[in-house]
Amino acid sequence: MTRSDTIHGGIRAVIRAGTRVREVNAGFIEALFEMRGVMESLAARRAAERLSEAHLGALSECGAEFEEQATRGQIVVTAKAALLRAMRDHTASLP
């Protein structure tokens, strides 16, 4: 019988047997999504703390345009692209 040497995420290294991928089940996937939600929430919070007034204004305009198009059932790529541009510009201005 071999023993597990290390377990890292979904990978298990077994001495003299190689590396194995952990068996994936619904609970494991649910935990991954929960962890992703926590990480994304933290990232959004930290990004929001660094926003300038100009970036907040640009994001607010994008959000208003997005909502207006959503109420008409016409979410178009331009609103999403504007939001992504504002986010990219903000990220580029960070130290």
PDB file of N, CA and C in Angstrom:
ATOM      1  N   MET A   1       0.835  -1.170   0.000  1.00  0.00           N
ATOM      2  CA  MET A   1       0.000   0.000   0.000  1.00  0.00           C
ATOM      3  C   MET A   1       0.887   1.243   0.000  1.00  0.00           C
ATOM      4  N   THR A   2       0.581   2.191  -0.887  1.00  0.00           N
ATOM      5  CA  THR A   2       1.349   3.433  -0.936  1.00  0.00           C
ATOM      6  C   THR A   2       0.646   4.497  -0.110  1.00  0.00           C
ATOM      7  N   ARG A   3       1.410   5.460   0.342  1.00  0.00           N
ATOM      8  CA  ARG A   3       0.789   6.537   1.103  1.00  0.00           C
ATOM      9  C   ARG A   3       0.847   7.823   0.295  1.00  0.00           C
ATOM     10  N   SER A   4      -0.112   8.699   0.554  1.00  0.00           N
ATOM     11  CA  SER A   4      -0.119   9.996  -0.107  1.00  0.00           C
ATOM     12  C   SER A   4       0.986  10.848   0.470  1.00  0.00           C
ATOM     13  N   ASP A   5       1.742  11.462  -0.396  1.00  0.00           N
ATOM     14  CA  ASP A   5       2.796  12.353   0.046  1.00  0.00           C
ATOM     15  C   ASP A   5       2.244  13.761   0.233  1.00  0.00           C
ATOM     16  N   THR A   6       1.604  14.286  -0.790  1.00  0.00           N
ATOM     17  CA  THR A   6       1.024  15.623  -0.676  1.00  0.00           C
ATOM     18  C   THR A   6      -0.308  15.664  -1.412  1.00  0.00           C
ATOM     19  N   ILE A   7      -1.149  16.518  -0.924  1.00  0.00           N
ATOM     20  CA  ILE A   7      -2.411  16.781  -1.611  1.00  0.00           C
ATOM     21  C   ILE A   7      -2.474  18.289  -1.813  1.00  0.00           C
ATOM     22  N   HIS A   8      -2.667  18.707  -3.041  1.00  0.00           N
ATOM     23  CA  HIS A   8      -2.734  20.131  -3.362  1.00  0.00           C
ATOM     24  C   HIS A   8      -3.919  20.331  -4.283  1.00  0.00           C
ATOM     25  N   GLY A   9      -4.996  20.954  -3.750  1.00  0.00           N
ATOM     26  CA  GLY A   9      -6.184  21.166  -4.570  1.00  0.00           C
ATOM     27  C   GLY A   9      -6.758  19.839  -5.000  1.00  0.00           C
ATOM     28  N   GLY A  10      -6.862  19.635  -6.288  1.00  0.00           N
ATOM     29  CA  GLY A  10      -7.417  18.395  -6.806  1.00  0.00           C
ATOM     30  C   GLY A  10      -6.360  17.411  -7.243  1.00  0.00           C
ATOM     31  N   ILE A  11      -5.101  17.629  -6.853  1.00  0.00           N
ATOM     32  CA  ILE A  11      -3.992  16.766  -7.261  1.00  0.00           C
ATOM     33  C   ILE A  11      -3.420  16.060  -6.033  1.00  0.00           C
ATOM     34  N   ARG A  12      -3.153  14.779  -6.177  1.00  0.00           N
ATOM     35  CA  ARG A  12      -2.565  14.017  -5.078  1.00  0.00           C
ATOM     36  C   ARG A  12      -1.327  13.301  -5.598  1.00  0.00           C
ATOM     37  N   ALA A  13      -0.196  13.551  -4.955  1.00  0.00           N
ATOM     38  CA  ALA A  13       1.040  12.871  -5.317  1.00  0.00           C
ATOM     39  C   ALA A  13       1.186  11.639  -4.429  1.00  0.00           C
ATOM     40  N   VAL A  14       1.366  10.481  -5.052  1.00  0.00           N
ATOM     41  CA  VAL A  14       1.502   9.236  -4.305  1.00  0.00           C
ATOM     42  C   VAL A  14       2.926   8.716  -4.516  1.00  0.00           C
ATOM     43  N   ILE A  15       3.614   8.462  -3.399  1.00  0.00           N
ATOM     44  CA  ILE A  15       4.991   8.000  -3.470  1.00  0.00           C
ATOM     45  C   ILE A  15       5.074   6.705  -4.279  1.00  0.00           C
ATOM     46  N   ARG A  16       5.996   6.659  -5.204  1.00  0.00           N
ATOM     47  CA  ARG A  16       6.264   5.521  -6.095  1.00  0.00           C
ATOM     48  C   ARG A  16       5.072   5.115  -6.962  1.00  0.00           C
ATOM     49  N   ALA A  17       4.068   5.985  -7.061  1.00  0.00           N
ATOM     50  CA  ALA A  17       2.925   5.655  -7.913  1.00  0.00           C
ATOM     51  C   ALA A  17       2.571   6.806  -8.856  1.00  0.00           C
ATOM     52  N   GLY A  18       3.154   7.964  -8.626  1.00  0.00           N
ATOM     53  CA  GLY A  18       2.890   9.091  -9.507  1.00  0.00           C
ATOM     54  C   GLY A  18       1.856  10.052  -8.950  1.00  0.00           C
ATOM     55  N   THR A  19       1.360  10.849  -9.835  1.00  0.00           N
ATOM     56  CA  THR A  19       0.394  11.877  -9.455  1.00  0.00           C
ATOM     57  C   THR A  19      -0.971  11.489  -9.967  1.00  0.00           C
ATOM     58  N   ARG A  20      -1.957  11.701  -9.155  1.00  0.00           N
ATOM     59  CA  ARG A  20      -3.337  11.344  -9.507  1.00  0.00           C
ATOM     60  C   ARG A  20      -4.218  12.582  -9.385  1.00  0.00           C
ATOM     61  N   VAL A  21      -5.215  12.654 -10.245  1.00  0.00           N
ATOM     62  CA  VAL A  21      -6.217  13.710 -10.137  1.00  0.00           C
ATOM     63  C   VAL A  21      -7.285  13.227  -9.182  1.00  0.00           C
ATOM     64  N   ARG A  22      -7.624  14.081  -8.264  1.00  0.00           N
ATOM     65  CA  ARG A  22      -8.629  13.747  -7.261  1.00  0.00           C
ATOM     66  C   ARG A  22      -9.971  13.466  -7.933  1.00  0.00           C
ATOM     67  N   GLU A  23     -10.724  12.572  -7.348  1.00  0.00           N
ATOM     68  CA  GLU A  23     -12.076  12.303  -7.837  1.00  0.00           C
ATOM     69  C   GLU A  23     -12.930  13.539  -7.599  1.00  0.00           C
ATOM     70  N   VAL A  24     -13.641  13.957  -8.609  1.00  0.00           N
ATOM     71  CA  VAL A  24     -14.452  15.173  -8.527  1.00  0.00           C
ATOM     72  C   VAL A  24     -15.906  14.783  -8.312  1.00  0.00           C
ATOM     73  N   ASN A  25     -16.536  15.432  -7.319  1.00  0.00           N
ATOM     74  CA  ASN A  25     -17.954  15.199  -7.083  1.00  0.00           C
ATOM     75  C   ASN A  25     -18.659  16.547  -6.939  1.00  0.00           C
ATOM     76  N   ALA A  26     -19.953  16.526  -6.777  1.00  0.00           N
ATOM     77  CA  ALA A  26     -20.747  17.756  -6.711  1.00  0.00           C
ATOM     78  C   ALA A  26     -20.312  18.638  -5.544  1.00  0.00           C
ATOM     79  N   GLY A  27     -19.989  18.064  -4.413  1.00  0.00           N
ATOM     80  CA  GLY A  27     -19.560  18.835  -3.253  1.00  0.00           C
ATOM     81  C   GLY A  27     -18.265  19.588  -3.508  1.00  0.00           C
ATOM     82  N   PHE A  28     -17.333  18.932  -4.199  1.00  0.00           N
ATOM     83  CA  PHE A  28     -16.053  19.555  -4.528  1.00  0.00           C
ATOM     84  C   PHE A  28     -16.274  20.741  -5.460  1.00  0.00           C
ATOM     85  N   ILE A  29     -17.110  20.562  -6.472  1.00  0.00           N
ATOM     86  CA  ILE A  29     -17.389  21.639  -7.434  1.00  0.00           C
ATOM     87  C   ILE A  29     -18.112  22.784  -6.740  1.00  0.00           C
ATOM     88  N   GLU A  30     -19.034  22.470  -5.862  1.00  0.00           N
ATOM     89  CA  GLU A  30     -19.746  23.502  -5.115  1.00  0.00           C
ATOM     90  C   GLU A  30     -18.771  24.318  -4.265  1.00  0.00           C
ATOM     91  N   ALA A  31     -17.829  23.645  -3.635  1.00  0.00           N
ATOM     92  CA  ALA A  31     -16.825  24.335  -2.822  1.00  0.00           C
ATOM     93  C   ALA A  31     -15.946  25.236  -3.688  1.00  0.00           C
ATOM     94  N   LEU A  32     -15.598  24.772  -4.887  1.00  0.00           N
ATOM     95  CA  LEU A  32     -14.803  25.602  -5.795  1.00  0.00           C
ATOM     96  C   LEU A  32     -15.544  26.876  -6.176  1.00  0.00           C
ATOM     97  N   PHE A  33     -16.831  26.757  -6.506  1.00  0.00           N
ATOM     98  CA  PHE A  33     -17.612  27.930  -6.873  1.00  0.00           C
ATOM     99  C   PHE A  33     -17.763  28.883  -5.691  1.00  0.00           C
ATOM    100  N   GLU A  34     -17.929  28.339  -4.500  1.00  0.00           N
ATOM    101  CA  GLU A  34     -18.041  29.176  -3.312  1.00  0.00           C
ATOM    102  C   GLU A  34     -16.741  29.942  -3.092  1.00  0.00           C
ATOM    103  N   MET A  35     -15.613  29.251  -3.238  1.00  0.00           N
ATOM    104  CA  MET A  35     -14.316  29.883  -3.064  1.00  0.00           C
ATOM    105  C   MET A  35     -14.109  30.963  -4.134  1.00  0.00           C
ATOM    106  N   ARG A  36     -14.518  30.679  -5.360  1.00  0.00           N
ATOM    107  CA  ARG A  36     -14.394  31.661  -6.429  1.00  0.00           C
ATOM    108  C   ARG A  36     -15.218  32.909  -6.113  1.00  0.00           C
ATOM    109  N   GLY A  37     -16.431  32.717  -5.592  1.00  0.00           N
ATOM    110  CA  GLY A  37     -17.277  33.845  -5.227  1.00  0.00           C
ATOM    111  C   GLY A  37     -16.636  34.720  -4.168  1.00  0.00           C
ATOM    112  N   VAL A  38     -16.021  34.089  -3.187  1.00  0.00           N
ATOM    113  CA  VAL A  38     -15.347  34.845  -2.123  1.00  0.00           C
ATOM    114  C   VAL A  38     -14.172  35.628  -2.697  1.00  0.00           C
ATOM    115  N   MET A  39     -13.394  34.998  -3.550  1.00  0.00           N
ATOM    116  CA  MET A  39     -12.223  35.661  -4.142  1.00  0.00           C
ATOM    117  C   MET A  39     -12.638  36.817  -5.048  1.00  0.00           C
ATOM    118  N   GLU A  40     -13.678  36.610  -5.863  1.00  0.00           N
ATOM    119  CA  GLU A  40     -14.135  37.677  -6.754  1.00  0.00           C
ATOM    120  C   GLU A  40     -14.701  38.845  -5.956  1.00  0.00           C
ATOM    121  N   SER A  41     -15.401  38.553  -4.883  1.00  0.00           N
ATOM    122  CA  SER A  41     -15.940  39.602  -4.027  1.00  0.00           C
ATOM    123  C   SER A  41     -14.812  40.431  -3.423  1.00  0.00           C
ATOM    124  N   LEU A  42     -13.788  39.774  -2.938  1.00  0.00           N
ATOM    125  CA  LEU A  42     -12.641  40.470  -2.364  1.00  0.00           C
ATOM    126  C   LEU A  42     -11.941  41.317  -3.426  1.00  0.00           C
ATOM    127  N   ALA A  43     -11.753  40.761  -4.611  1.00  0.00           N
ATOM    128  CA  ALA A  43     -11.099  41.508  -5.689  1.00  0.00           C
ATOM    129  C   ALA A  43     -11.910  42.744  -6.071  1.00  0.00           C
ATOM    130  N   ALA A  44     -13.227  42.601  -6.158  1.00  0.00           N
ATOM    131  CA  ALA A  44     -14.081  43.741  -6.502  1.00  0.00           C
ATOM    132  C   ALA A  44     -14.025  44.805  -5.419  1.00  0.00           C
ATOM    133  N   ARG A  45     -14.050  44.387  -4.168  1.00  0.00           N
ATOM    134  CA  ARG A  45     -13.996  45.336  -3.059  1.00  0.00           C
ATOM    135  C   ARG A  45     -12.680  46.109  -3.081  1.00  0.00           C
ATOM    136  N   ARG A  46     -11.578  45.404  -3.279  1.00  0.00           N
ATOM    137  CA  ARG A  46     -10.271  46.063  -3.297  1.00  0.00           C
ATOM    138  C   ARG A  46     -10.133  47.000  -4.492  1.00  0.00           C
ATOM    139  N   ALA A  47     -10.678  46.606  -5.639  1.00  0.00           N
ATOM    140  CA  ALA A  47     -10.640  47.482  -6.818  1.00  0.00           C
ATOM    141  C   ALA A  47     -11.482  48.728  -6.572  1.00  0.00           C
ATOM    142  N   ALA A  48     -12.644  48.561  -5.960  1.00  0.00           N
ATOM    143  CA  ALA A  48     -13.532  49.692  -5.689  1.00  0.00           C
ATOM    144  C   ALA A  48     -12.878  50.696  -4.745  1.00  0.00           C
ATOM    145  N   GLU A  49     -12.065  50.219  -3.822  1.00  0.00           N
ATOM    146  CA  GLU A  49     -11.387  51.110  -2.888  1.00  0.00           C
ATOM    147  C   GLU A  49     -10.389  52.018  -3.587  1.00  0.00           C
ATOM    148  N   ARG A  50      -9.930  51.618  -4.773  1.00  0.00           N
ATOM    149  CA  ARG A  50      -8.907  52.375  -5.490  1.00  0.00           C
ATOM    150  C   ARG A  50      -9.478  53.250  -6.616  1.00  0.00           C
ATOM    151  N   LEU A  51     -10.793  53.241  -6.801  1.00  0.00           N
ATOM    152  CA  LEU A  51     -11.394  53.996  -7.898  1.00  0.00           C
ATOM    153  C   LEU A  51     -11.298  55.498  -7.668  1.00  0.00           C
ATOM    154  N   SER A  52     -10.975  56.212  -8.724  1.00  0.00           N
ATOM    155  CA  SER A  52     -10.987  57.672  -8.656  1.00  0.00           C
ATOM    156  C   SER A  52     -12.397  58.152  -8.971  1.00  0.00           C
ATOM    157  N   GLU A  53     -12.650  59.433  -8.729  1.00  0.00           N
ATOM    158  CA  GLU A  53     -13.957  60.006  -9.050  1.00  0.00           C
ATOM    159  C   GLU A  53     -14.246  59.898 -10.542  1.00  0.00           C
ATOM    160  N   ALA A  54     -13.219  60.096 -11.373  1.00  0.00           N
ATOM    161  CA  ALA A  54     -13.400  60.000 -12.830  1.00  0.00           C
ATOM    162  C   ALA A  54     -13.815  58.587 -13.229  1.00  0.00           C
ATOM    163  N   HIS A  55     -13.166  57.589 -12.617  1.00  0.00           N
ATOM    164  CA  HIS A  55     -13.517  56.203 -12.940  1.00  0.00           C
ATOM    165  C   HIS A  55     -14.916  55.863 -12.448  1.00  0.00           C
ATOM    166  N   LEU A  56     -15.261  56.360 -11.271  1.00  0.00           N
ATOM    167  CA  LEU A  56     -16.617  56.112 -10.761  1.00  0.00           C
ATOM    168  C   LEU A  56     -17.661  56.700 -11.701  1.00  0.00           C
ATOM    169  N   GLY A  57     -17.393  57.902 -12.203  1.00  0.00           N
ATOM    170  CA  GLY A  57     -18.309  58.529 -13.151  1.00  0.00           C
ATOM    171  C   GLY A  57     -18.444  57.720 -14.426  1.00  0.00           C
ATOM    172  N   ALA A  58     -17.315  57.264 -14.962  1.00  0.00           N
ATOM    173  CA  ALA A  58     -17.336  56.466 -16.195  1.00  0.00           C
ATOM    174  C   ALA A  58     -18.086  55.156 -15.979  1.00  0.00           C
ATOM    175  N   LEU A  59     -17.844  54.499 -14.854  1.00  0.00           N
ATOM    176  CA  LEU A  59     -18.542  53.243 -14.566  1.00  0.00           C
ATOM    177  C   LEU A  59     -20.030  53.479 -14.361  1.00  0.00           C
ATOM    178  N   SER A  60     -20.371  54.593 -13.723  1.00  0.00           N
ATOM    179  CA  SER A  60     -21.774  54.923 -13.511  1.00  0.00           C
ATOM    180  C   SER A  60     -22.490  55.144 -14.836  1.00  0.00           C
ATOM    181  N   GLU A  61     -21.837  55.863 -15.763  1.00  0.00           N
ATOM    182  CA  GLU A  61     -22.411  56.081 -17.093  1.00  0.00           C
ATOM    183  C   GLU A  61     -22.604  54.755 -17.825  1.00  0.00           C
ATOM    184  N   CYS A  62     -21.616  53.892 -17.746  1.00  0.00           N
ATOM    185  CA  CYS A  62     -21.724  52.580 -18.401  1.00  0.00           C
ATOM    186  C   CYS A  62     -22.867  51.772 -17.804  1.00  0.00           C
ATOM    187  N   GLY A  63     -22.972  51.813 -16.483  1.00  0.00           N
ATOM    188  CA  GLY A  63     -24.041  51.078 -15.813  1.00  0.00           C
ATOM    189  C   GLY A  63     -25.406  51.602 -16.212  1.00  0.00           C
ATOM    190  N   ALA A  64     -25.545  52.931 -16.315  1.00  0.00           N
ATOM    191  CA  ALA A  64     -26.820  53.528 -16.711  1.00  0.00           C
ATOM    192  C   ALA A  64     -27.179  53.129 -18.142  1.00  0.00           C
ATOM    193  N   GLU A  65     -26.189  53.153 -19.023  1.00  0.00           N
ATOM    194  CA  GLU A  65     -26.429  52.748 -20.414  1.00  0.00           C
ATOM    195  C   GLU A  65     -26.832  51.275 -20.480  1.00  0.00           C
ATOM    196  N   PHE A  66     -26.154  50.464 -19.713  1.00  0.00           N
ATOM    197  CA  PHE A  66     -26.447  49.027 -19.680  1.00  0.00           C
ATOM    198  C   PHE A  66     -27.879  48.798 -19.191  1.00  0.00           C
ATOM    199  N   GLU A  67     -28.259  49.474 -18.095  1.00  0.00           N
ATOM    200  CA  GLU A  67     -29.617  49.318 -17.547  1.00  0.00           C
ATOM    201  C   GLU A  67     -30.677  49.784 -18.545  1.00  0.00           C
ATOM    202  N   GLU A  68     -30.416  50.902 -19.212  1.00  0.00           N
ATOM    203  CA  GLU A  68     -31.369  51.427 -20.194  1.00  0.00           C
ATOM    204  C   GLU A  68     -31.587  50.414 -21.315  1.00  0.00           C
ATOM    205  N   GLN A  69     -30.505  49.848 -21.802  1.00  0.00           N
ATOM    206  CA  GLN A  69     -30.617  48.864 -22.874  1.00  0.00           C
ATOM    207  C   GLN A  69     -31.275  47.582 -22.373  1.00  0.00           C
ATOM    208  N   ALA A  70     -31.020  47.233 -21.127  1.00  0.00           N
ATOM    209  CA  ALA A  70     -31.621  46.022 -20.562  1.00  0.00           C
ATOM    210  C   ALA A  70     -33.134  46.168 -20.461  1.00  0.00           C
ATOM    211  N   THR A  71     -33.601  47.354 -20.074  1.00  0.00           N
ATOM    212  CA  THR A  71     -35.049  47.551 -19.940  1.00  0.00           C
ATOM    213  C   THR A  71     -35.737  47.482 -21.298  1.00  0.00           C
ATOM    214  N   ARG A  72     -35.003  47.812 -22.351  1.00  0.00           N
ATOM    215  CA  ARG A  72     -35.561  47.701 -23.705  1.00  0.00           C
ATOM    216  C   ARG A  72     -35.292  46.324 -24.307  1.00  0.00           C
ATOM    217  N   GLY A  73     -34.612  45.480 -23.566  1.00  0.00           N
ATOM    218  CA  GLY A  73     -34.286  44.148 -24.085  1.00  0.00           C
ATOM    219  C   GLY A  73     -33.222  44.193 -25.159  1.00  0.00           C
ATOM    220  N   GLN A  74     -32.412  45.242 -25.142  1.00  0.00           N
ATOM    221  CA  GLN A  74     -31.407  45.417 -26.189  1.00  0.00           C
ATOM    222  C   GLN A  74     -30.010  45.578 -25.603  1.00  0.00           C
ATOM    223  N   ILE A  75     -29.591  44.622 -24.858  1.00  0.00           N
ATOM    224  CA  ILE A  75     -28.240  44.688 -24.323  1.00  0.00           C
ATOM    225  C   ILE A  75     -27.304  44.460 -25.505  1.00  0.00           C
ATOM    226  N   VAL A  76     -26.554  45.470 -25.818  1.00  0.00           N
ATOM    227  CA  VAL A  76     -25.672  45.372 -26.982  1.00  0.00           C
ATOM    228  C   VAL A  76     -24.232  45.324 -26.537  1.00  0.00           C
ATOM    229  N   VAL A  77     -23.418  44.892 -27.433  1.00  0.00           N
ATOM    230  CA  VAL A  77     -22.004  44.725 -27.126  1.00  0.00           C
ATOM    231  C   VAL A  77     -21.359  46.062 -26.770  1.00  0.00           C
ATOM    232  N   THR A  78     -21.854  47.163 -27.303  1.00  0.00           N
ATOM    233  CA  THR A  78     -21.206  48.450 -27.039  1.00  0.00           C
ATOM    234  C   THR A  78     -21.228  48.811 -25.562  1.00  0.00           C
ATOM    235  N   ALA A  79     -22.319  48.533 -24.859  1.00  0.00           N
ATOM    236  CA  ALA A  79     -22.380  48.842 -23.428  1.00  0.00           C
ATOM    237  C   ALA A  79     -21.378  47.996 -22.671  1.00  0.00           C
ATOM    238  N   LYS A  80     -21.303  46.717 -23.009  1.00  0.00           N
ATOM    239  CA  LYS A  80     -20.345  45.841 -22.353  1.00  0.00           C
ATOM    240  C   LYS A  80     -18.919  46.282 -22.675  1.00  0.00           C
ATOM    241  N   ALA A  81     -18.689  46.658 -23.937  1.00  0.00           N
ATOM    242  CA  ALA A  81     -17.354  47.093 -24.339  1.00  0.00           C
ATOM    243  C   ALA A  81     -16.962  48.370 -23.605  1.00  0.00           C
ATOM    244  N   ALA A  82     -17.904  49.288 -23.434  1.00  0.00           N
ATOM    245  CA  ALA A  82     -17.611  50.531 -22.711  1.00  0.00           C
ATOM    246  C   ALA A  82     -17.250  50.240 -21.265  1.00  0.00           C
ATOM    247  N   LEU A  83     -17.959  49.339 -20.645  1.00  0.00           N
ATOM    248  CA  LEU A  83     -17.665  48.964 -19.268  1.00  0.00           C
ATOM    249  C   LEU A  83     -16.283  48.325 -19.169  1.00  0.00           C
ATOM    250  N   LEU A  84     -15.975  47.433 -20.093  1.00  0.00           N
ATOM    251  CA  LEU A  84     -14.664  46.783 -20.086  1.00  0.00           C
ATOM    252  C   LEU A  84     -13.548  47.792 -20.332  1.00  0.00           C
ATOM    253  N   ARG A  85     -13.773  48.757 -21.219  1.00  0.00           N
ATOM    254  CA  ARG A  85     -12.776  49.804 -21.461  1.00  0.00           C
ATOM    255  C   ARG A  85     -12.526  50.616 -20.192  1.00  0.00           C
ATOM    256  N   ALA A  86     -13.609  50.990 -19.507  1.00  0.00           N
ATOM    257  CA  ALA A  86     -13.457  51.769 -18.277  1.00  0.00           C
ATOM    258  C   ALA A  86     -12.691  50.977 -17.230  1.00  0.00           C
ATOM    259  N   MET A  87     -12.976  49.694 -17.126  1.00  0.00           N
ATOM    260  CA  MET A  87     -12.270  48.855 -16.156  1.00  0.00           C
ATOM    261  C   MET A  87     -10.794  48.710 -16.540  1.00  0.00           C
ATOM    262  N   ARG A  88     -10.531  48.526 -17.848  1.00  0.00           N
ATOM    263  CA  ARG A  88      -9.158  48.386 -18.317  1.00  0.00           C
ATOM    264  C   ARG A  88      -8.369  49.672 -18.065  1.00  0.00           C
ATOM    265  N   ASP A  89      -8.986  50.822 -18.368  1.00  0.00           N
ATOM    266  CA  ASP A  89      -8.332  52.108 -18.157  1.00  0.00           C
ATOM    267  C   ASP A  89      -8.014  52.316 -16.680  1.00  0.00           C
ATOM    268  N   HIS A  90      -8.971  51.922 -15.818  1.00  0.00           N
ATOM    269  CA  HIS A  90      -8.723  52.077 -14.392  1.00  0.00           C
ATOM    270  C   HIS A  90      -7.568  51.198 -13.947  1.00  0.00           C
ATOM    271  N   THR A  91      -7.562  49.965 -14.407  1.00  0.00           N
ATOM    272  CA  THR A  91      -6.503  49.030 -14.025  1.00  0.00           C
ATOM    273  C   THR A  91      -5.140  49.545 -14.478  1.00  0.00           C
ATOM    274  N   ALA A  92      -5.105  50.138 -15.675  1.00  0.00           N
ATOM    275  CA  ALA A  92      -3.837  50.659 -16.192  1.00  0.00           C
ATOM    276  C   ALA A  92      -3.325  51.827 -15.376  1.00  0.00           C
ATOM    277  N   SER A  93      -4.232  52.550 -14.714  1.00  0.00           N
ATOM    278  CA  SER A  93      -3.811  53.721 -13.933  1.00  0.00           C
ATOM    279  C   SER A  93      -3.386  53.364 -12.520  1.00  0.00           C
ATOM    280  N   LEU A  94      -3.550  52.125 -12.102  1.00  0.00           N
ATOM    281  CA  LEU A  94      -3.143  51.735 -10.747  1.00  0.00           C
ATOM    282  C   LEU A  94      -1.628  51.691 -10.649  1.00  0.00           C
ATOM    283  N   PRO A  95      -1.105  51.998  -9.459  1.00  0.00           N
ATOM    284  CA  PRO A  95       0.363  51.972  -9.290  1.00  0.00           C
ATOM    285  C   PRO A  95       0.922  50.573  -9.401  1.00  0.00           C
TER     286      PRO A  95
END
